Amino acid sequence: MNQGWATGAAVAMVAAVAVASAACGRGDSGAASADRQTIAFFTKNQTNPYFQSIRQGADSAGRELNVSVMHFVPTRPDSIPEQMSQVEDVAVRRPDAVAFIPVDAKAMVPGVERLNSAGIPVVNVTDRSAGGQFVSFVGCDEYVVARNTARRLLTALNGKGRVVIIEGVRGSTNNATRMRGYTDALAEFRDVTLLATQPGNFQRLQALQVMENMLQSYRELDGVLALNDAMALGAVEALEAANRKALVVGINGTKEAVDAVREGKLLASGDCDGFLHGCGGVMAAVRHLRKEPVPADIEFAVEVIDQANASKAGVLQENRSCPSWESLVKR
C-alpha cells in the first residue's frame, strides 16, 4: 500500500465526504492502517438507506478479512463532478483496490479509466459501468427484480386498475433498466392503465412531493410503482396525508421498507440485498489482491418481500456478518 494513503486518506475523506464517519457507520475497518491492505469503496449518496446497507456489508467484510475499508460518498447525492473528484484523489493516493458504484454508468467511465491507468484493480458493484476494466461485477439483475416486483403489485390488483410510476434519475442506466422491467410487466396486464410517470430522483422527499401532485391530478388511483424503497415510502406518506389508499411497491428491501410491509403500509419491496453487495465487493477485491480466483460476474438471486416472507427479512444490518465466499458466489 502507498504510504501516502495511510497518512493522508482520512483527511482526504473528510474533505470529500463532509460527515463521512457518521454517515457511513464504518466501525473499526474505517481507519486506514499502514500494515493492512486498503480498499476504497465508492457509493452514490448518503440519503438512500440501501447504500448504507452496502457500506455496512463492506465494513463487515473488512473486519473479517482484516483490511481497511475507506468510504467515498458524494455530499450532494449522485453528484458526477464530486465522485470524479474523489476518483482523482484516490488515483493519486493509490489504495490497494477499489470497489466502485458509479453515480452514473456512462458519465463515470473516464473515472474508471483513470483508476485503470493508475494500475489500481477495480471491482464494479451494484450498478454496471458502461466501460472500463474490472476484476468482477458484484450485484443482481435489476431488470428481473423490477419486473417481478411490478408483477406482484399488478397481480394484487387482479390485473386491472390505474397505476402511476415514480421514476428515479432520468437518463441513468439503473433508472432505464428498472423502468424496462416495470413497463414490460405492465404490458402483460392489458387491463391496467398507466396514468403517468414522474421522476422522484430516487429521493424520498421528492417522491412525496411528486405523489402529492399526482393525487391532485388523479382522483382514482389503485397502485404506485416506485423505482426504489425511499420513493415508495415517500409515496406512502403522501397517501396517508391525503387520506387516500393505493397499493405501493418499491425496490431494495431496506429495513424501513420491510417494516412498512409488515405493518401493511407497503405491499412489497423487490430485494437484491445490498449488504451482500458490500460484502462481495470487498471480498472480491481482497481475493484478487491475494491472487485467489474471482468470477467475472457474481449475480445474487432476487426476491420480492411481501407479508408472506417479511418475517425473515429486514434483519438489522449491524447484526449481520458476511457469508463465506463459497456461499456468496452460489447465491
Protein backbone atom coordinates (compact mmCIF):
# COMPACT_ATOMS: atom_id res chain seq x y z
CA MET A 1 0.00 0.00 0.00
CA ASN A 2 1.19 3.52 -0.81
CA GLN A 3 2.30 5.12 2.46
CA GLY A 4 0.83 8.47 1.42
CA TRP A 5 -2.56 6.79 1.55
CA ALA A 6 -2.07 5.64 5.12
CA THR A 7 -1.04 9.08 6.35
CA GLY A 8 -3.45 11.20 4.34
CA ALA A 9 -6.51 9.13 3.47
CA ALA A 10 -8.58 10.06 6.49
CA VAL A 11 -8.00 13.78 5.88
CA ALA A 12 -8.85 13.38 2.19
CA MET A 13 -12.02 11.51 3.03
CA VAL A 14 -13.26 14.16 5.44
CA ALA A 15 -12.67 16.80 2.79
CA ALA A 16 -14.55 14.76 0.18
CA VAL A 17 -17.35 13.48 2.41
CA ALA A 18 -18.49 16.02 4.98
CA VAL A 19 -19.84 13.78 7.82
CA ALA A 20 -18.40 10.57 6.43
CA SER A 21 -17.71 8.87 9.75
CA ALA A 22 -21.26 9.28 10.99
CA ALA A 23 -22.90 8.70 7.62
CA CYS A 24 -21.03 5.58 6.69
CA GLY A 25 -21.08 3.74 10.03
CA ARG A 26 -17.62 2.43 9.32
CA GLY A 27 -16.67 0.76 12.56
CA ASP A 28 -13.09 -0.33 13.09
CA SER A 29 -12.46 -1.07 9.42
CA GLY A 30 -12.80 2.62 8.51
CA ALA A 31 -9.44 3.75 9.83
CA ALA A 32 -6.57 3.26 7.44
CA SER A 33 -3.62 1.27 8.76
CA ALA A 34 -0.14 1.14 7.30
CA ASP A 35 0.16 -2.63 7.87
CA ARG A 36 -3.20 -3.57 6.29
CA GLN A 37 -4.43 -3.51 2.72
CA THR A 38 -6.83 -0.69 1.94
CA ILE A 39 -10.00 -0.90 -0.15
CA ALA A 40 -11.56 2.38 -1.28
CA PHE A 41 -15.32 1.87 -1.56
CA PHE A 42 -17.41 4.30 -3.63
CA THR A 43 -21.17 4.62 -3.13
CA LYS A 44 -23.64 7.09 -4.66
CA ASN A 45 -25.12 9.04 -1.75
CA GLN A 46 -25.71 9.32 1.98
CA THR A 47 -29.50 9.64 1.72
CA ASN A 48 -30.58 6.22 0.43
CA PRO A 49 -30.66 3.53 3.16
CA TYR A 50 -29.79 0.93 0.53
CA PHE A 51 -26.28 2.35 0.15
CA GLN A 52 -25.95 2.43 3.92
CA SER A 53 -26.60 -1.33 3.95
CA ILE A 54 -23.95 -1.77 1.23
CA ARG A 55 -21.43 0.17 3.32
CA GLN A 56 -22.28 -1.94 6.36
CA GLY A 57 -21.66 -5.11 4.35
CA ALA A 58 -18.33 -3.71 3.17
CA ASP A 59 -17.33 -2.88 6.75
CA SER A 60 -18.28 -6.36 7.91
CA ALA A 61 -16.10 -7.93 5.20
CA GLY A 62 -13.28 -5.55 6.09
CA ARG A 63 -13.32 -6.62 9.71
CA GLU A 64 -13.46 -10.31 8.84
CA LEU A 65 -10.62 -10.05 6.29
CA ASN A 66 -8.51 -7.62 8.35
CA VAL A 67 -8.39 -4.93 5.67
CA SER A 68 -9.14 -1.21 5.91
CA VAL A 69 -12.27 -0.01 4.11
CA MET A 70 -12.40 3.69 3.27
CA HIS A 71 -15.75 5.06 2.10
CA PHE A 72 -16.16 7.77 -0.51
CA VAL A 73 -19.66 9.23 -0.78
CA PRO A 74 -20.66 12.46 -2.54
CA THR A 75 -22.08 15.06 -0.16
CA ARG A 76 -24.50 16.01 -2.94
CA PRO A 77 -26.50 12.88 -3.86
CA ASP A 78 -25.35 11.21 -7.07
CA SER A 79 -23.02 14.08 -7.97
CA ILE A 80 -20.91 13.23 -11.03
CA PRO A 81 -18.36 16.06 -10.52
CA GLU A 82 -17.91 15.17 -6.85
CA GLN A 83 -17.42 11.48 -7.49
CA MET A 84 -15.00 12.28 -10.29
CA SER A 85 -13.01 14.47 -7.88
CA GLN A 86 -12.97 11.65 -5.34
CA VAL A 87 -11.74 9.23 -8.01
CA GLU A 88 -8.88 11.58 -8.87
CA ASP A 89 -7.91 11.81 -5.20
CA VAL A 90 -7.98 8.03 -4.82
CA ALA A 91 -5.98 7.52 -8.03
CA VAL A 92 -3.24 9.77 -6.63
CA ARG A 93 -3.23 8.18 -3.17
CA ARG A 94 -3.33 4.64 -4.57
CA PRO A 95 -5.20 2.26 -2.26
CA ASP A 96 -4.66 -1.44 -2.89
CA ALA A 97 -8.02 -1.82 -4.65
CA VAL A 98 -11.30 -0.05 -5.32
CA ALA A 99 -14.92 -1.24 -5.08
CA PHE A 100 -16.92 1.09 -7.27
CA ILE A 101 -20.59 2.01 -7.64
CA PRO A 102 -20.76 4.71 -10.32
CA VAL A 103 -23.18 7.56 -9.72
CA ASP A 104 -23.77 7.40 -13.48
CA ALA A 105 -22.84 4.33 -15.53
CA LYS A 106 -21.80 6.31 -18.62
CA ALA A 107 -20.51 9.59 -17.19
CA MET A 108 -18.16 7.85 -14.75
CA VAL A 109 -16.40 5.70 -17.36
CA PRO A 110 -13.50 8.22 -17.53
CA GLY A 111 -13.19 7.87 -13.76
CA VAL A 112 -12.90 4.10 -14.04
CA GLU A 113 -10.33 4.51 -16.81
CA ARG A 114 -8.36 6.86 -14.55
CA LEU A 115 -8.20 4.15 -11.90
CA ASN A 116 -7.25 1.60 -14.57
CA SER A 117 -4.39 3.80 -15.79
CA ALA A 118 -3.18 4.16 -12.20
CA GLY A 119 -2.90 0.36 -12.02
CA ILE A 120 -5.50 0.04 -9.24
CA PRO A 121 -7.72 -3.07 -9.51
CA VAL A 122 -11.42 -2.18 -9.53
CA VAL A 123 -14.48 -4.26 -8.64
CA ASN A 124 -17.75 -2.96 -10.12
CA VAL A 125 -20.57 -3.16 -7.56
CA THR A 126 -24.39 -2.88 -7.86
CA ASP A 127 -24.68 -0.63 -10.94
CA ARG A 128 -22.92 -1.93 -14.05
CA SER A 129 -20.49 0.56 -15.54
CA ALA A 130 -20.75 1.23 -19.27
CA GLY A 131 -16.99 0.93 -19.68
CA GLY A 132 -13.62 0.45 -18.05
CA GLN A 133 -11.79 -2.66 -16.89
CA PHE A 134 -12.92 -4.57 -13.81
CA VAL A 135 -11.86 -7.56 -11.76
CA SER A 136 -15.51 -8.57 -11.41
CA PHE A 137 -19.09 -7.33 -11.26
CA VAL A 138 -20.97 -7.92 -7.99
CA GLY A 139 -24.72 -7.29 -7.97
CA CYS A 140 -28.03 -8.57 -9.27
CA ASP A 141 -30.24 -8.35 -12.34
CA GLU A 142 -32.06 -5.03 -11.87
CA TYR A 143 -34.43 -5.80 -14.73
CA VAL A 144 -35.61 -9.04 -13.15
CA VAL A 145 -36.14 -7.54 -9.70
CA ALA A 146 -38.17 -4.67 -11.19
CA ARG A 147 -40.27 -6.94 -13.40
CA ASN A 148 -41.02 -9.34 -10.55
CA THR A 149 -41.88 -6.50 -8.17
CA ALA A 150 -44.28 -4.96 -10.66
CA ARG A 151 -45.91 -8.33 -11.28
CA ARG A 152 -46.56 -8.62 -7.53
CA LEU A 153 -48.50 -5.35 -7.48
CA LEU A 154 -50.36 -5.98 -10.73
CA THR A 155 -51.40 -9.45 -9.58
CA ALA A 156 -52.62 -7.97 -6.27
CA LEU A 157 -54.79 -5.61 -8.35
CA ASN A 158 -56.31 -8.67 -10.06
CA GLY A 159 -54.89 -7.47 -13.35
CA LYS A 160 -56.89 -4.28 -13.62
CA GLY A 161 -56.83 -0.72 -12.36
CA ARG A 162 -54.97 2.59 -12.65
CA VAL A 163 -51.32 2.97 -11.68
CA VAL A 164 -48.52 5.52 -11.73
CA ILE A 165 -44.74 5.13 -11.79
CA ILE A 166 -42.31 7.22 -9.76
CA GLU A 167 -39.01 7.07 -11.62
CA GLY A 168 -35.51 7.64 -10.31
CA VAL A 169 -32.99 9.82 -12.15
CA ARG A 170 -34.00 10.01 -15.79
CA GLY A 171 -31.13 9.22 -18.14
CA SER A 172 -29.35 6.97 -15.64
CA THR A 173 -28.74 3.35 -16.61
CA ASN A 174 -30.22 2.00 -13.39
CA ASN A 175 -33.39 4.00 -13.92
CA ALA A 176 -33.71 2.80 -17.52
CA THR A 177 -33.24 -0.85 -16.54
CA ARG A 178 -35.82 -0.76 -13.76
CA MET A 179 -38.25 1.18 -15.93
CA ARG A 180 -37.94 -1.50 -18.59
CA GLY A 181 -38.78 -4.15 -16.00
CA TYR A 182 -41.83 -2.21 -14.84
CA THR A 183 -43.14 -1.41 -18.32
CA ASP A 184 -42.60 -4.96 -19.57
CA ALA A 185 -44.64 -6.24 -16.62
CA LEU A 186 -47.36 -3.69 -17.37
CA ALA A 187 -47.53 -4.98 -20.95
CA GLU A 188 -48.53 -8.38 -19.55
CA PHE A 189 -51.62 -6.88 -17.86
CA ARG A 190 -53.74 -5.33 -20.61
CA ASP A 191 -56.48 -4.08 -18.27
CA VAL A 192 -54.11 -1.96 -16.18
CA THR A 193 -53.83 1.69 -17.22
CA LEU A 194 -50.61 3.63 -16.66
CA LEU A 195 -51.79 7.14 -15.82
CA ALA A 196 -48.43 8.89 -15.53
CA THR A 197 -44.75 8.53 -14.81
CA GLN A 198 -42.80 11.24 -13.00
CA PRO A 199 -39.22 11.39 -11.67
CA GLY A 200 -38.54 11.42 -7.93
CA ASN A 201 -34.75 11.12 -8.42
CA PHE A 202 -34.56 8.17 -6.01
CA GLN A 203 -35.16 10.62 -3.11
CA ARG A 204 -37.93 10.24 -0.53
CA LEU A 205 -38.90 13.91 -0.17
CA GLN A 206 -39.03 14.48 -3.91
CA ALA A 207 -41.19 11.38 -4.34
CA LEU A 208 -43.54 12.59 -1.62
CA GLN A 209 -43.98 15.87 -3.50
CA VAL A 210 -44.47 14.07 -6.81
CA MET A 211 -47.09 11.83 -5.22
CA GLU A 212 -48.92 14.83 -3.77
CA ASN A 213 -49.17 16.32 -7.25
CA MET A 214 -50.37 13.03 -8.76
CA LEU A 215 -53.06 12.69 -6.11
CA GLN A 216 -54.37 16.11 -7.08
CA SER A 217 -54.39 15.14 -10.77
CA TYR A 218 -55.96 11.68 -10.40
CA ARG A 219 -58.95 11.12 -8.19
CA GLU A 220 -58.91 7.39 -8.89
CA LEU A 221 -55.59 5.63 -8.35
CA ASP A 222 -55.07 2.00 -7.45
CA GLY A 223 -51.32 1.39 -7.47
CA VAL A 224 -47.91 3.07 -7.27
CA LEU A 225 -44.76 1.56 -8.75
CA ALA A 226 -41.74 3.32 -7.23
CA LEU A 227 -38.26 2.54 -8.52
CA ASN A 228 -36.79 2.33 -5.03
CA ASP A 229 -37.90 1.99 -1.42
CA ALA A 230 -37.13 5.58 -0.45
CA MET A 231 -39.55 6.86 -3.08
CA ALA A 232 -42.13 4.19 -2.21
CA LEU A 233 -42.10 5.34 1.41
CA GLY A 234 -42.45 8.95 0.28
CA ALA A 235 -45.50 7.91 -1.74
CA VAL A 236 -46.95 6.14 1.29
CA GLU A 237 -46.53 9.33 3.35
CA ALA A 238 -48.37 11.38 0.72
CA LEU A 239 -51.21 8.86 0.53
CA GLU A 240 -51.61 8.83 4.30
CA ALA A 241 -51.60 12.63 4.49
CA ALA A 242 -54.30 12.81 1.81
CA ASN A 243 -56.33 10.01 3.43
CA ARG A 244 -56.13 8.07 0.16
CA LYS A 245 -55.41 4.39 -0.38
CA ALA A 246 -53.42 2.64 -3.08
CA LEU A 247 -51.09 -0.34 -3.22
CA VAL A 248 -47.42 0.69 -3.31
CA VAL A 249 -44.26 -1.23 -4.14
CA GLY A 250 -40.58 -0.28 -4.12
CA ILE A 251 -37.19 -1.85 -4.71
CA ASN A 252 -34.17 -2.51 -2.45
CA GLY A 253 -35.52 -4.44 0.53
CA THR A 254 -34.40 -1.82 3.06
CA LYS A 255 -35.29 -2.39 6.68
CA GLU A 256 -37.73 0.53 6.83
CA ALA A 257 -39.49 -0.79 3.74
CA VAL A 258 -39.71 -4.30 5.19
CA ASP A 259 -41.14 -2.85 8.41
CA ALA A 260 -43.72 -1.00 6.29
CA VAL A 261 -44.59 -4.29 4.55
CA ARG A 262 -45.12 -5.96 7.93
CA GLU A 263 -47.37 -3.08 9.01
CA GLY A 264 -49.45 -3.29 5.84
CA LYS A 265 -48.40 0.16 4.59
CA LEU A 266 -46.33 -1.16 1.68
CA LEU A 267 -47.39 -4.09 -0.46
CA ALA A 268 -43.90 -5.33 -1.35
CA SER A 269 -40.26 -4.50 -1.98
CA GLY A 270 -38.00 -6.15 -4.53
CA ASP A 271 -34.79 -7.17 -2.79
CA CYS A 272 -31.26 -7.56 -4.11
CA ASP A 273 -29.73 -7.48 -0.57
CA GLY A 274 -27.33 -4.54 -0.57
CA PHE A 275 -25.48 -5.93 2.44
CA LEU A 276 -24.26 -8.80 0.26
CA HIS A 277 -23.17 -6.33 -2.42
CA GLY A 278 -20.91 -4.66 0.13
CA CYS A 279 -19.57 -8.00 1.33
CA GLY A 280 -18.95 -9.22 -2.20
CA GLY A 281 -17.26 -6.03 -3.38
CA VAL A 282 -14.66 -6.13 -0.63
CA MET A 283 -14.23 -9.90 -0.68
CA ALA A 284 -13.71 -9.98 -4.46
CA ALA A 285 -11.14 -7.17 -4.23
CA VAL A 286 -9.22 -8.89 -1.44
CA ARG A 287 -9.25 -12.26 -3.20
CA HIS A 288 -7.84 -10.61 -6.31
CA LEU A 289 -5.07 -8.97 -4.27
CA ARG A 290 -4.28 -12.35 -2.70
CA LYS A 291 -4.19 -13.93 -6.17
CA GLU A 292 -7.20 -16.12 -5.49
CA PRO A 293 -9.77 -16.80 -8.25
CA VAL A 294 -12.68 -14.39 -8.68
CA PRO A 295 -15.56 -14.96 -11.16
CA ALA A 296 -16.03 -12.24 -13.76
CA ASP A 297 -19.70 -11.96 -12.76
CA ILE A 298 -21.27 -12.52 -9.33
CA GLU A 299 -25.05 -12.08 -9.51
CA PHE A 300 -27.27 -12.65 -6.49
CA ALA A 301 -30.77 -14.08 -6.65
CA VAL A 302 -33.61 -11.60 -6.29
CA GLU A 303 -36.63 -11.86 -4.01
CA VAL A 304 -39.85 -9.92 -3.68
CA ILE A 305 -40.58 -9.31 0.00
CA ASP A 306 -44.24 -9.19 0.98
CA GLN A 307 -46.21 -10.16 4.06
CA ALA A 308 -45.72 -13.84 3.27
CA ASN A 309 -41.95 -13.69 3.80
CA ALA A 310 -41.31 -10.36 5.55
CA SER A 311 -40.80 -12.05 8.92
CA LYS A 312 -37.43 -13.42 7.81
CA ALA A 313 -36.32 -10.22 6.10
CA GLY A 314 -35.25 -6.80 7.33
CA VAL A 315 -32.67 -8.03 9.84
CA LEU A 316 -30.66 -5.16 11.28
CA GLN A 317 -27.53 -4.97 9.13
CA GLU A 318 -25.43 -4.23 12.25
CA ASN A 319 -26.29 -7.73 13.47
CA ARG A 320 -25.25 -9.48 10.24
CA SER A 321 -21.97 -10.98 9.18
CA CYS A 322 -20.83 -11.67 5.66
CA PRO A 323 -21.29 -15.25 4.47
CA SER A 324 -18.37 -17.37 3.36
CA TRP A 325 -17.02 -16.74 -0.13
CA GLU A 326 -18.25 -20.15 -1.28
CA SER A 327 -21.75 -19.39 -0.05
CA LEU A 328 -21.69 -15.90 -1.55
CA VAL A 329 -20.84 -16.94 -5.09
CA LYS A 330 -23.53 -19.66 -5.10
CA ARG A 331 -26.37 -17.23 -4.35
